[in-house]
Amino acid sequence: MGFEASGKPGEFFNLATPMVYDNQYIPAKTTNQLRVVTVMDSQVIPGNLAVTSGARLAALGLNAPDLIQYWYEKIGDFPFAIRVLEGSASFTIDRGDGIVGFEGVFPKK
């Protein structure tokens, strides 16, 4: 899961890898939504950014502490997009099992 950088539309930084192991029953020809809550530690994110994205932050002219402060102060208003990549869901039906990949961007409000 990645958050969009302040003032840099379309630039995302991956911050967490949420995992959910909930079983659900979804009848045929219907849809369902699943809400995933992820707790991100304010001490882990700076290290994550420094190790995985330090050079990219510098190239974009971003300061990690300022960016983290922006995310933490503004997340309730969602002024930035959130991106999900490399998601997968496993399904079991009468004919067998299957795995479906997904990704998406939840746009800013």
Protein backbone atom coordinates (compact mmCIF):
# COMPACT_ATOMS: atom_id res chain seq x y z
CA MET A 1 0.00 0.00 0.00
CA GLY A 2 1.42 3.34 -0.98
CA PHE A 3 0.62 6.96 -0.21
CA GLU A 4 0.86 9.73 -2.79
CA ALA A 5 3.56 12.34 -2.13
CA SER A 6 2.54 15.87 -1.20
CA GLY A 7 2.72 18.14 -4.24
CA LYS A 8 3.81 15.27 -6.50
CA PRO A 9 0.71 13.82 -8.18
CA GLY A 10 1.19 10.22 -9.26
CA GLU A 11 4.29 9.67 -7.10
CA PHE A 12 3.60 6.98 -4.51
CA PHE A 13 5.71 5.56 -1.71
CA ASN A 14 5.02 2.04 -0.51
CA LEU A 15 4.59 2.04 3.24
CA ALA A 16 2.88 -1.17 4.32
CA THR A 17 1.93 -4.67 3.23
CA PRO A 18 -1.43 -5.45 4.82
CA MET A 19 -2.60 -9.05 4.88
CA VAL A 20 -6.10 -10.33 5.58
CA TYR A 21 -7.14 -13.92 6.05
CA ASP A 22 -10.90 -13.52 6.44
CA ASN A 23 -13.25 -16.06 4.92
CA GLN A 24 -16.32 -14.63 3.21
CA TYR A 25 -19.28 -16.05 1.38
CA ILE A 26 -20.10 -14.12 -1.79
CA PRO A 27 -23.10 -15.40 -3.76
CA ALA A 28 -22.79 -15.72 -7.54
CA LYS A 29 -23.29 -12.56 -9.63
CA THR A 30 -22.86 -10.27 -6.61
CA THR A 31 -20.06 -8.11 -5.29
CA ASN A 32 -18.63 -7.52 -1.88
CA GLN A 33 -16.31 -5.03 -0.22
CA LEU A 34 -13.66 -5.73 2.35
CA ARG A 35 -12.23 -3.04 4.59
CA VAL A 36 -8.64 -3.56 5.61
CA VAL A 37 -7.29 -1.61 8.55
CA THR A 38 -3.53 -1.22 8.77
CA VAL A 39 -1.64 0.34 11.67
CA MET A 40 1.52 2.08 10.55
CA ASP A 41 4.08 2.90 13.20
CA SER A 42 5.51 6.40 13.11
CA GLN A 43 8.93 4.98 13.95
CA VAL A 44 8.91 2.38 11.17
CA ILE A 45 7.90 4.60 8.24
CA PRO A 46 11.00 6.88 8.36
CA GLY A 47 13.27 3.83 8.26
CA ASN A 48 11.24 2.29 5.48
CA LEU A 49 11.50 5.46 3.40
CA ALA A 50 15.22 5.86 4.11
CA VAL A 51 16.06 2.29 3.12
CA THR A 52 13.74 1.79 0.15
CA SER A 53 13.25 5.30 -1.20
CA GLY A 54 16.04 7.58 0.00
CA ALA A 55 17.46 8.30 -3.46
CA ARG A 56 14.00 8.74 -4.94
CA LEU A 57 13.02 11.23 -2.23
CA ALA A 58 16.14 13.27 -2.96
CA ALA A 59 15.52 13.17 -6.73
CA LEU A 60 11.98 14.47 -6.19
CA GLY A 61 13.19 17.17 -3.79
CA LEU A 62 11.20 15.74 -0.89
CA ASN A 63 12.08 15.65 2.78
CA ALA A 64 10.98 12.45 4.54
CA PRO A 65 10.06 14.06 7.90
CA ASP A 66 7.91 16.71 6.18
CA LEU A 67 6.21 14.11 4.00
CA ILE A 68 5.46 11.86 6.98
CA GLN A 69 4.07 14.79 8.95
CA TYR A 70 1.82 15.68 5.99
CA TRP A 71 0.48 12.13 5.78
CA TYR A 72 -0.17 11.84 9.51
CA GLU A 73 -1.83 15.25 9.83
CA LYS A 74 -3.96 15.02 6.67
CA ILE A 75 -4.95 11.35 6.38
CA GLY A 76 -8.40 11.97 7.88
CA ASP A 77 -9.24 14.35 5.04
CA PHE A 78 -7.66 12.16 2.32
CA PRO A 79 -6.11 14.99 0.27
CA PHE A 80 -3.79 12.40 -1.29
CA ALA A 81 -4.41 9.16 -3.17
CA ILE A 82 -3.69 5.69 -1.79
CA ARG A 83 -2.50 2.93 -4.11
CA VAL A 84 -2.78 -0.82 -3.68
CA LEU A 85 -0.48 -3.02 -5.77
CA GLU A 86 0.08 -6.74 -6.15
CA GLY A 87 -3.09 -7.69 -4.28
CA SER A 88 -4.40 -11.21 -4.56
CA ALA A 89 -7.50 -13.06 -3.43
CA SER A 90 -8.08 -16.80 -3.43
CA PHE A 91 -11.48 -18.23 -4.27
CA THR A 92 -12.96 -21.67 -3.81
CA ILE A 93 -15.91 -22.72 -5.94
CA ASP A 94 -17.48 -26.05 -6.83
CA ARG A 95 -15.26 -26.33 -9.91
CA GLY A 96 -12.03 -25.73 -7.96
CA ASP A 97 -9.81 -23.04 -6.54
CA GLY A 98 -8.55 -19.86 -8.15
CA ILE A 99 -6.39 -16.86 -7.38
CA VAL A 100 -7.20 -13.40 -8.71
CA GLY A 101 -4.83 -10.46 -8.72
CA PHE A 102 -5.95 -6.87 -8.22
CA GLU A 103 -4.67 -3.34 -7.87
CA GLY A 104 -6.23 0.07 -7.67
CA VAL A 105 -5.94 3.68 -6.65
CA PHE A 106 -8.30 5.26 -4.19
CA PRO A 107 -8.46 8.86 -5.36
CA LYS A 108 -8.15 11.83 -3.10
CA LYS A 109 -11.44 13.42 -2.09
